[in-house]
Amino acid sequence: DVIAAVESRGFLFGTPIAYNENKSL
């Protein structure tokens, strides 16, 4: 349901994946 992206470089990869997969970030 959710992607938890870890500061700060995790944000770089979590954001496009959450967007593309229509998941919460």
mmCIF file of all heavy atoms, coordinates in Angstrom:
data_MODEL
# 
_entry.id   MODEL 
# 
loop_
_atom_site.group_PDB 
_atom_site.id 
_atom_site.type_symbol 
_atom_site.label_atom_id 
_atom_site.label_alt_id 
_atom_site.label_comp_id 
_atom_site.label_asym_id 
_atom_site.label_entity_id 
_atom_site.label_seq_id 
_atom_site.pdbx_PDB_ins_code 
_atom_site.Cartn_x 
_atom_site.Cartn_y 
_atom_site.Cartn_z 
_atom_site.occupancy 
_atom_site.B_iso_or_equiv 
_atom_site.pdbx_formal_charge 
_atom_site.auth_seq_id 
_atom_site.auth_comp_id 
_atom_site.auth_asym_id 
_atom_site.auth_atom_id 
_atom_site.pdbx_PDB_model_num 
ATOM 1   N N   . ASP A 1 1  ? 0.808  -1.213 0.000   1.00 0.00 ? 1  ASP A N   1 
ATOM 2   C CA  . ASP A 1 1  ? 0.000  0.000  0.000   1.00 0.00 ? 1  ASP A CA  1 
ATOM 3   C C   . ASP A 1 1  ? 0.843  1.267  0.000   1.00 0.00 ? 1  ASP A C   1 
ATOM 4   O O   . ASP A 1 1  ? 0.430  2.288  -0.531  1.00 0.00 ? 1  ASP A O   1 
ATOM 5   C CB  . ASP A 1 1  ? -0.887 0.045  1.260   1.00 0.00 ? 1  ASP A CB  1 
ATOM 6   C CG  . ASP A 1 1  ? -1.713 -1.203 1.424   1.00 0.00 ? 1  ASP A CG  1 
ATOM 7   O OD1 . ASP A 1 1  ? -2.529 -1.481 0.527   1.00 0.00 ? 1  ASP A OD1 1 
ATOM 8   O OD2 . ASP A 1 1  ? -1.545 -1.913 2.441   1.00 0.00 ? 1  ASP A OD2 1 
ATOM 9   N N   . VAL A 1 2  ? 1.994  1.194  0.653   1.00 0.00 ? 2  VAL A N   1 
ATOM 10  C CA  . VAL A 1 2  ? 2.772  2.383  0.965   1.00 0.00 ? 2  VAL A CA  1 
ATOM 11  C C   . VAL A 1 2  ? 4.247  2.128  0.682   1.00 0.00 ? 2  VAL A C   1 
ATOM 12  O O   . VAL A 1 2  ? 4.754  1.037  0.933   1.00 0.00 ? 2  VAL A O   1 
ATOM 13  C CB  . VAL A 1 2  ? 2.621  2.747  2.466   1.00 0.00 ? 2  VAL A CB  1 
ATOM 14  C CG1 . VAL A 1 2  ? 3.467  3.946  2.846   1.00 0.00 ? 2  VAL A CG1 1 
ATOM 15  C CG2 . VAL A 1 2  ? 1.174  2.984  2.831   1.00 0.00 ? 2  VAL A CG2 1 
ATOM 16  N N   . ILE A 1 3  ? 4.927  3.166  0.190   1.00 0.00 ? 3  ILE A N   1 
ATOM 17  C CA  . ILE A 1 3  ? 6.382  3.140  0.080   1.00 0.00 ? 3  ILE A CA  1 
ATOM 18  C C   . ILE A 1 3  ? 6.933  4.074  1.143   1.00 0.00 ? 3  ILE A C   1 
ATOM 19  O O   . ILE A 1 3  ? 6.529  5.235  1.235   1.00 0.00 ? 3  ILE A O   1 
ATOM 20  C CB  . ILE A 1 3  ? 6.848  3.595  -1.316  1.00 0.00 ? 3  ILE A CB  1 
ATOM 21  C CG1 . ILE A 1 3  ? 6.451  2.558  -2.367  1.00 0.00 ? 3  ILE A CG1 1 
ATOM 22  C CG2 . ILE A 1 3  ? 8.362  3.835  -1.327  1.00 0.00 ? 3  ILE A CG2 1 
ATOM 23  C CD1 . ILE A 1 3  ? 6.746  2.968  -3.785  1.00 0.00 ? 3  ILE A CD1 1 
ATOM 24  N N   . ALA A 1 4  ? 7.844  3.561  1.940   1.00 0.00 ? 4  ALA A N   1 
ATOM 25  C CA  . ALA A 1 4  ? 8.551  4.369  2.933   1.00 0.00 ? 4  ALA A CA  1 
ATOM 26  C C   . ALA A 1 4  ? 9.951  4.622  2.384   1.00 0.00 ? 4  ALA A C   1 
ATOM 27  O O   . ALA A 1 4  ? 10.757 3.700  2.271   1.00 0.00 ? 4  ALA A O   1 
ATOM 28  C CB  . ALA A 1 4  ? 8.624  3.649  4.284   1.00 0.00 ? 4  ALA A CB  1 
ATOM 29  N N   . ALA A 1 5  ? 10.217 5.873  2.009   1.00 0.00 ? 5  ALA A N   1 
ATOM 30  C CA  . ALA A 1 5  ? 11.505 6.243  1.426   1.00 0.00 ? 5  ALA A CA  1 
ATOM 31  C C   . ALA A 1 5  ? 12.369 6.888  2.507   1.00 0.00 ? 5  ALA A C   1 
ATOM 32  O O   . ALA A 1 5  ? 11.921 7.769  3.229   1.00 0.00 ? 5  ALA A O   1 
ATOM 33  C CB  . ALA A 1 5  ? 11.294 7.206  0.263   1.00 0.00 ? 5  ALA A CB  1 
ATOM 34  N N   . VAL A 1 6  ? 13.612 6.425  2.593   1.00 0.00 ? 6  VAL A N   1 
ATOM 35  C CA  . VAL A 1 6  ? 14.524 6.857  3.648   1.00 0.00 ? 6  VAL A CA  1 
ATOM 36  C C   . VAL A 1 6  ? 15.375 8.027  3.165   1.00 0.00 ? 6  VAL A C   1 
ATOM 37  O O   . VAL A 1 6  ? 15.930 7.999  2.056   1.00 0.00 ? 6  VAL A O   1 
ATOM 38  C CB  . VAL A 1 6  ? 15.411 5.681  4.098   1.00 0.00 ? 6  VAL A CB  1 
ATOM 39  C CG1 . VAL A 1 6  ? 16.363 6.107  5.199   1.00 0.00 ? 6  VAL A CG1 1 
ATOM 40  C CG2 . VAL A 1 6  ? 14.546 4.507  4.575   1.00 0.00 ? 6  VAL A CG2 1 
ATOM 41  N N   . GLU A 1 7  ? 15.478 9.045  4.018   1.00 0.00 ? 7  GLU A N   1 
ATOM 42  C CA  . GLU A 1 7  ? 16.250 10.259 3.726   1.00 0.00 ? 7  GLU A CA  1 
ATOM 43  C C   . GLU A 1 7  ? 17.699 9.922  3.417   1.00 0.00 ? 7  GLU A C   1 
ATOM 44  O O   . GLU A 1 7  ? 18.291 9.098  4.099   1.00 0.00 ? 7  GLU A O   1 
ATOM 45  C CB  . GLU A 1 7  ? 16.198 11.209 4.925   1.00 0.00 ? 7  GLU A CB  1 
ATOM 46  C CG  . GLU A 1 7  ? 16.890 12.496 4.652   1.00 0.00 ? 7  GLU A CG  1 
ATOM 47  C CD  . GLU A 1 7  ? 16.529 13.604 5.652   1.00 0.00 ? 7  GLU A CD  1 
ATOM 48  O OE1 . GLU A 1 7  ? 15.534 13.513 6.353   1.00 0.00 ? 7  GLU A OE1 1 
ATOM 49  O OE2 . GLU A 1 7  ? 17.289 14.562 5.684   1.00 0.00 ? 7  GLU A OE2 1 
ATOM 50  N N   . SER A 1 8  ? 18.265 10.578 2.529   1.00 0.00 ? 8  SER A N   1 
ATOM 51  C CA  . SER A 1 8  ? 17.613 11.420 1.553   1.00 0.00 ? 8  SER A CA  1 
ATOM 52  C C   . SER A 1 8  ? 17.621 10.765 0.183   1.00 0.00 ? 8  SER A C   1 
ATOM 53  O O   . SER A 1 8  ? 16.754 11.037 -0.645  1.00 0.00 ? 8  SER A O   1 
ATOM 54  C CB  . SER A 1 8  ? 18.298 12.792 1.478   1.00 0.00 ? 8  SER A CB  1 
ATOM 55  O OG  . SER A 1 8  ? 19.626 12.673 1.014   1.00 0.00 ? 8  SER A OG  1 
ATOM 56  N N   . ARG A 1 9  ? 18.580 9.912  -0.065  1.00 0.00 ? 9  ARG A N   1 
ATOM 57  C CA  . ARG A 1 9  ? 18.665 9.322  -1.406  1.00 0.00 ? 9  ARG A CA  1 
ATOM 58  C C   . ARG A 1 9  ? 17.561 8.308  -1.675  1.00 0.00 ? 9  ARG A C   1 
ATOM 59  O O   . ARG A 1 9  ? 17.242 8.042  -2.824  1.00 0.00 ? 9  ARG A O   1 
ATOM 60  C CB  . ARG A 1 9  ? 20.056 8.761  -1.643  1.00 0.00 ? 9  ARG A CB  1 
ATOM 61  C CG  . ARG A 1 9  ? 21.107 9.886  -1.733  1.00 0.00 ? 9  ARG A CG  1 
ATOM 62  C CD  . ARG A 1 9  ? 22.509 9.365  -1.927  1.00 0.00 ? 9  ARG A CD  1 
ATOM 63  N NE  . ARG A 1 9  ? 22.942 8.455  -0.903  1.00 0.00 ? 9  ARG A NE  1 
ATOM 64  C CZ  . ARG A 1 9  ? 23.605 8.803  0.198   1.00 0.00 ? 9  ARG A CZ  1 
ATOM 65  N NH1 . ARG A 1 9  ? 23.919 10.052 0.423   1.00 0.00 ? 9  ARG A NH1 1 
ATOM 66  N NH2 . ARG A 1 9  ? 23.964 7.889  1.075   1.00 0.00 ? 9  ARG A NH2 1 
ATOM 67  N N   . GLY A 1 10 ? 16.957 7.781  -0.645  1.00 0.00 ? 10 GLY A N   1 
ATOM 68  C CA  . GLY A 1 10 ? 15.796 6.921  -0.848  1.00 0.00 ? 10 GLY A CA  1 
ATOM 69  C C   . GLY A 1 10 ? 14.638 7.678  -1.469  1.00 0.00 ? 10 GLY A C   1 
ATOM 70  O O   . GLY A 1 10 ? 13.830 7.109  -2.201  1.00 0.00 ? 10 GLY A O   1 
ATOM 71  N N   . PHE A 1 11 ? 14.572 9.000  -1.194  1.00 0.00 ? 11 PHE A N   1 
ATOM 72  C CA  . PHE A 1 11 ? 13.518 9.835  -1.784  1.00 0.00 ? 11 PHE A CA  1 
ATOM 73  C C   . PHE A 1 11 ? 13.639 9.851  -3.308  1.00 0.00 ? 11 PHE A C   1 
ATOM 74  O O   . PHE A 1 11 ? 12.635 9.891  -4.019  1.00 0.00 ? 11 PHE A O   1 
ATOM 75  C CB  . PHE A 1 11 ? 13.614 11.288 -1.311  1.00 0.00 ? 11 PHE A CB  1 
ATOM 76  C CG  . PHE A 1 11 ? 13.471 11.520 0.169   1.00 0.00 ? 11 PHE A CG  1 
ATOM 77  C CD1 . PHE A 1 11 ? 13.693 12.774 0.678   1.00 0.00 ? 11 PHE A CD1 1 
ATOM 78  C CD2 . PHE A 1 11 ? 13.129 10.511 1.054   1.00 0.00 ? 11 PHE A CD2 1 
ATOM 79  C CE1 . PHE A 1 11 ? 13.572 13.032 2.030   1.00 0.00 ? 11 PHE A CE1 1 
ATOM 80  C CE2 . PHE A 1 11 ? 13.000 10.754 2.418   1.00 0.00 ? 11 PHE A CE2 1 
ATOM 81  C CZ  . PHE A 1 11 ? 13.218 12.030 2.898   1.00 0.00 ? 11 PHE A CZ  1 
ATOM 82  N N   . LEU A 1 12 ? 14.883 9.853  -3.800  1.00 0.00 ? 12 LEU A N   1 
ATOM 83  C CA  . LEU A 1 12 ? 15.124 9.954  -5.238  1.00 0.00 ? 12 LEU A CA  1 
ATOM 84  C C   . LEU A 1 12 ? 14.511 8.796  -6.010  1.00 0.00 ? 12 LEU A C   1 
ATOM 85  O O   . LEU A 1 12 ? 14.071 8.958  -7.146  1.00 0.00 ? 12 LEU A O   1 
ATOM 86  C CB  . LEU A 1 12 ? 16.627 10.000 -5.519  1.00 0.00 ? 12 LEU A CB  1 
ATOM 87  C CG  . LEU A 1 12 ? 17.399 11.144 -4.883  1.00 0.00 ? 12 LEU A CG  1 
ATOM 88  C CD1 . LEU A 1 12 ? 18.893 10.944 -5.074  1.00 0.00 ? 12 LEU A CD1 1 
ATOM 89  C CD2 . LEU A 1 12 ? 16.951 12.469 -5.447  1.00 0.00 ? 12 LEU A CD2 1 
ATOM 90  N N   . PHE A 1 13 ? 14.522 7.627  -5.387  1.00 0.00 ? 13 PHE A N   1 
ATOM 91  C CA  . PHE A 1 13 ? 14.008 6.432  -6.060  1.00 0.00 ? 13 PHE A CA  1 
ATOM 92  C C   . PHE A 1 13 ? 12.581 6.101  -5.638  1.00 0.00 ? 13 PHE A C   1 
ATOM 93  O O   . PHE A 1 13 ? 11.788 5.617  -6.437  1.00 0.00 ? 13 PHE A O   1 
ATOM 94  C CB  . PHE A 1 13 ? 14.955 5.255  -5.817  1.00 0.00 ? 13 PHE A CB  1 
ATOM 95  C CG  . PHE A 1 13 ? 16.329 5.527  -6.335  1.00 0.00 ? 13 PHE A CG  1 
ATOM 96  C CD1 . PHE A 1 13 ? 17.380 5.814  -5.477  1.00 0.00 ? 13 PHE A CD1 1 
ATOM 97  C CD2 . PHE A 1 13 ? 16.578 5.558  -7.697  1.00 0.00 ? 13 PHE A CD2 1 
ATOM 98  C CE1 . PHE A 1 13 ? 18.648 6.107  -5.966  1.00 0.00 ? 13 PHE A CE1 1 
ATOM 99  C CE2 . PHE A 1 13 ? 17.843 5.848  -8.198  1.00 0.00 ? 13 PHE A CE2 1 
ATOM 100 C CZ  . PHE A 1 13 ? 18.877 6.125  -7.319  1.00 0.00 ? 13 PHE A CZ  1 
ATOM 101 N N   . GLY A 1 14 ? 12.246 6.382  -4.384  1.00 0.00 ? 14 GLY A N   1 
ATOM 102 C CA  . GLY A 1 14 ? 10.896 6.108  -3.903  1.00 0.00 ? 14 GLY A CA  1 
ATOM 103 C C   . GLY A 1 14 ? 9.845  6.953  -4.578  1.00 0.00 ? 14 GLY A C   1 
ATOM 104 O O   . GLY A 1 14 ? 8.736  6.478  -4.867  1.00 0.00 ? 14 GLY A O   1 
ATOM 105 N N   . THR A 1 15 ? 10.174 8.209  -4.857  1.00 0.00 ? 15 THR A N   1 
ATOM 106 C CA  . THR A 1 15 ? 9.191  9.120  -5.440  1.00 0.00 ? 15 THR A CA  1 
ATOM 107 C C   . THR A 1 15 ? 8.720  8.674  -6.828  1.00 0.00 ? 15 THR A C   1 
ATOM 108 O O   . THR A 1 15 ? 7.511  8.545  -7.048  1.00 0.00 ? 15 THR A O   1 
ATOM 109 C CB  . THR A 1 15 ? 9.745  10.557 -5.474  1.00 0.00 ? 15 THR A CB  1 
ATOM 110 O OG1 . THR A 1 15 ? 10.031 10.960 -4.129  1.00 0.00 ? 15 THR A OG1 1 
ATOM 111 C CG2 . THR A 1 15 ? 8.760  11.517 -6.104  1.00 0.00 ? 15 THR A CG2 1 
ATOM 112 N N   . PRO A 1 16 ? 9.610  8.415  -7.780  1.00 0.00 ? 16 PRO A N   1 
ATOM 113 C CA  . PRO A 1 16 ? 9.092  7.996  -9.092  1.00 0.00 ? 16 PRO A CA  1 
ATOM 114 C C   . PRO A 1 16 ? 8.405  6.636  -9.055  1.00 0.00 ? 16 PRO A C   1 
ATOM 115 O O   . PRO A 1 16 ? 7.455  6.402  -9.800  1.00 0.00 ? 16 PRO A O   1 
ATOM 116 C CB  . PRO A 1 16 ? 10.326 7.981  -9.996  1.00 0.00 ? 16 PRO A CB  1 
ATOM 117 C CG  . PRO A 1 16 ? 11.498 7.916  -9.084  1.00 0.00 ? 16 PRO A CG  1 
ATOM 118 C CD  . PRO A 1 16 ? 11.078 8.570  -7.811  1.00 0.00 ? 16 PRO A CD  1 
ATOM 119 N N   . ILE A 1 17 ? 8.854  5.762  -8.171  1.00 0.00 ? 17 ILE A N   1 
ATOM 120 C CA  . ILE A 1 17 ? 8.196  4.451  -8.080  1.00 0.00 ? 17 ILE A CA  1 
ATOM 121 C C   . ILE A 1 17 ? 6.791  4.614  -7.525  1.00 0.00 ? 17 ILE A C   1 
ATOM 122 O O   . ILE A 1 17 ? 5.833  4.050  -8.055  1.00 0.00 ? 17 ILE A O   1 
ATOM 123 C CB  . ILE A 1 17 ? 9.034  3.465  -7.245  1.00 0.00 ? 17 ILE A CB  1 
ATOM 124 C CG1 . ILE A 1 17 ? 10.352 3.146  -7.990  1.00 0.00 ? 17 ILE A CG1 1 
ATOM 125 C CG2 . ILE A 1 17 ? 8.251  2.179  -6.970  1.00 0.00 ? 17 ILE A CG2 1 
ATOM 126 C CD1 . ILE A 1 17 ? 11.363 2.384  -7.168  1.00 0.00 ? 17 ILE A CD1 1 
ATOM 127 N N   . ALA A 1 18 ? 6.635  5.391  -6.466  1.00 0.00 ? 18 ALA A N   1 
ATOM 128 C CA  . ALA A 1 18 ? 5.305  5.624  -5.890  1.00 0.00 ? 18 ALA A CA  1 
ATOM 129 C C   . ALA A 1 18 ? 4.381  6.253  -6.932  1.00 0.00 ? 18 ALA A C   1 
ATOM 130 O O   . ALA A 1 18 ? 3.225  5.856  -7.069  1.00 0.00 ? 18 ALA A O   1 
ATOM 131 C CB  . ALA A 1 18 ? 5.407  6.508  -4.647  1.00 0.00 ? 18 ALA A CB  1 
ATOM 132 N N   . TYR A 1 19 ? 4.896  7.212  -7.661  1.00 0.00 ? 19 TYR A N   1 
ATOM 133 C CA  . TYR A 1 19 ? 4.102  7.878  -8.705  1.00 0.00 ? 19 TYR A CA  1 
ATOM 134 C C   . TYR A 1 19 ? 3.680  6.878  -9.790  1.00 0.00 ? 19 TYR A C   1 
ATOM 135 O O   . TYR A 1 19 ? 2.508  6.780  -10.138 1.00 0.00 ? 19 TYR A O   1 
ATOM 136 C CB  . TYR A 1 19 ? 4.909  9.026  -9.314  1.00 0.00 ? 19 TYR A CB  1 
ATOM 137 C CG  . TYR A 1 19 ? 4.196  9.711  -10.454 1.00 0.00 ? 19 TYR A CG  1 
ATOM 138 C CD1 . TYR A 1 19 ? 3.220  10.670 -10.210 1.00 0.00 ? 19 TYR A CD1 1 
ATOM 139 C CD2 . TYR A 1 19 ? 4.490  9.380  -11.771 1.00 0.00 ? 19 TYR A CD2 1 
ATOM 140 C CE1 . TYR A 1 19 ? 2.549  11.292 -11.258 1.00 0.00 ? 19 TYR A CE1 1 
ATOM 141 C CE2 . TYR A 1 19 ? 3.831  9.994  -12.818 1.00 0.00 ? 19 TYR A CE2 1 
ATOM 142 C CZ  . TYR A 1 19 ? 2.865  10.944 -12.567 1.00 0.00 ? 19 TYR A CZ  1 
ATOM 143 O OH  . TYR A 1 19 ? 2.198  11.551 -13.601 1.00 0.00 ? 19 TYR A OH  1 
ATOM 144 N N   . ASN A 1 20 ? 4.647  6.142  -10.312 1.00 0.00 ? 20 ASN A N   1 
ATOM 145 C CA  . ASN A 1 20 ? 4.359  5.194  -11.397 1.00 0.00 ? 20 ASN A CA  1 
ATOM 146 C C   . ASN A 1 20 ? 3.442  4.060  -10.966 1.00 0.00 ? 20 ASN A C   1 
ATOM 147 O O   . ASN A 1 20 ? 2.648  3.560  -11.766 1.00 0.00 ? 20 ASN A O   1 
ATOM 148 C CB  . ASN A 1 20 ? 5.658  4.603  -11.957 1.00 0.00 ? 20 ASN A CB  1 
ATOM 149 C CG  . ASN A 1 20 ? 6.435  5.593  -12.788 1.00 0.00 ? 20 ASN A CG  1 
ATOM 150 O OD1 . ASN A 1 20 ? 5.872  6.547  -13.322 1.00 0.00 ? 20 ASN A OD1 1 
ATOM 151 N ND2 . ASN A 1 20 ? 7.730  5.379  -12.883 1.00 0.00 ? 20 ASN A ND2 1 
ATOM 152 N N   . GLU A 1 21 ? 3.555  3.655  -9.708  1.00 0.00 ? 21 GLU A N   1 
ATOM 153 C CA  . GLU A 1 21 ? 2.771  2.520  -9.211  1.00 0.00 ? 21 GLU A CA  1 
ATOM 154 C C   . GLU A 1 21 ? 1.489  2.956  -8.499  1.00 0.00 ? 21 GLU A C   1 
ATOM 155 O O   . GLU A 1 21 ? 0.769  2.116  -7.963  1.00 0.00 ? 21 GLU A O   1 
ATOM 156 C CB  . GLU A 1 21 ? 3.638  1.677  -8.262  1.00 0.00 ? 21 GLU A CB  1 
ATOM 157 C CG  . GLU A 1 21 ? 4.869  1.077  -8.925  1.00 0.00 ? 21 GLU A CG  1 
ATOM 158 C CD  . GLU A 1 21 ? 4.518  0.069  -10.000 1.00 0.00 ? 21 GLU A CD  1 
ATOM 159 O OE1 . GLU A 1 21 ? 3.768  -0.884 -9.714  1.00 0.00 ? 21 GLU A OE1 1 
ATOM 160 O OE2 . GLU A 1 21 ? 4.993  0.243  -11.145 1.00 0.00 ? 21 GLU A OE2 1 
ATOM 161 N N   . ASN A 1 22 ? 1.234  4.280  -8.451  1.00 0.00 ? 22 ASN A N   1 
ATOM 162 C CA  . ASN A 1 22 ? 0.050  4.839  -7.800  1.00 0.00 ? 22 ASN A CA  1 
ATOM 163 C C   . ASN A 1 22 ? -0.051 4.392  -6.339  1.00 0.00 ? 22 ASN A C   1 
ATOM 164 O O   . ASN A 1 22 ? -1.096 3.902  -5.888  1.00 0.00 ? 22 ASN A O   1 
ATOM 165 C CB  . ASN A 1 22 ? -1.226 4.477  -8.576  1.00 0.00 ? 22 ASN A CB  1 
ATOM 166 C CG  . ASN A 1 22 ? -2.393 5.345  -8.173  1.00 0.00 ? 22 ASN A CG  1 
ATOM 167 O OD1 . ASN A 1 22 ? -2.234 6.503  -7.813  1.00 0.00 ? 22 ASN A OD1 1 
ATOM 168 N ND2 . ASN A 1 22 ? -3.592 4.773  -8.218  1.00 0.00 ? 22 ASN A ND2 1 
ATOM 169 N N   . LYS A 1 23 ? 1.054  4.563  -5.606  1.00 0.00 ? 23 LYS A N   1 
ATOM 170 C CA  . LYS A 1 23 ? 1.127  4.193  -4.194  1.00 0.00 ? 23 LYS A CA  1 
ATOM 171 C C   . LYS A 1 23 ? 1.408  5.429  -3.353  1.00 0.00 ? 23 LYS A C   1 
ATOM 172 O O   . LYS A 1 23 ? 1.992  6.414  -3.826  1.00 0.00 ? 23 LYS A O   1 
ATOM 173 C CB  . LYS A 1 23 ? 2.241  3.163  -3.951  1.00 0.00 ? 23 LYS A CB  1 
ATOM 174 C CG  . LYS A 1 23 ? 2.074  1.879  -4.719  1.00 0.00 ? 23 LYS A CG  1 
ATOM 175 C CD  . LYS A 1 23 ? 0.848  1.098  -4.274  1.00 0.00 ? 23 LYS A CD  1 
ATOM 176 C CE  . LYS A 1 23 ? 0.733  -0.215 -5.045  1.00 0.00 ? 23 LYS A CE  1 
ATOM 177 N NZ  . LYS A 1 23 ? -0.425 -0.988 -4.657  1.00 0.00 ? 23 LYS A NZ  1 
ATOM 178 N N   . SER A 1 24 ? 1.024  5.352  -2.096  1.00 0.00 ? 24 SER A N   1 
ATOM 179 C CA  . SER A 1 24 ? 1.357  6.417  -1.153  1.00 0.00 ? 24 SER A CA  1 
ATOM 180 C C   . SER A 1 24 ? 2.851  6.406  -0.882  1.00 0.00 ? 24 SER A C   1 
ATOM 181 O O   . SER A 1 24 ? 3.485  5.351  -0.886  1.00 0.00 ? 24 SER A O   1 
ATOM 182 C CB  . SER A 1 24 ? 0.632  6.189  0.179   1.00 0.00 ? 24 SER A CB  1 
ATOM 183 O OG  . SER A 1 24 ? -0.758 6.264  0.007   1.00 0.00 ? 24 SER A OG  1 
ATOM 184 N N   . LEU A 1 25 ? 3.392  7.595  -0.628  1.00 0.00 ? 25 LEU A N   1 
ATOM 185 C CA  . LEU A 1 25 ? 4.811  7.739  -0.293  1.00 0.00 ? 25 LEU A CA  1 
ATOM 186 C C   . LEU A 1 25 ? 4.908  8.429  1.056   1.00 0.00 ? 25 LEU A C   1 
ATOM 187 O O   . LEU A 1 25 ? 4.317  9.490  1.258   1.00 0.00 ? 25 LEU A O   1 
ATOM 188 C CB  . LEU A 1 25 ? 5.529  8.579  -1.350  1.00 0.00 ? 25 LEU A CB  1 
ATOM 189 C CG  . LEU A 1 25 ? 7.000  8.869  -1.083  1.00 0.00 ? 25 LEU A CG  1 
ATOM 190 C CD1 . LEU A 1 25 ? 7.832  7.606  -1.283  1.00 0.00 ? 25 LEU A CD1 1 
ATOM 191 C CD2 . LEU A 1 25 ? 7.490  9.983  -2.002  1.00 0.00 ? 25 LEU A CD2 1 
# 
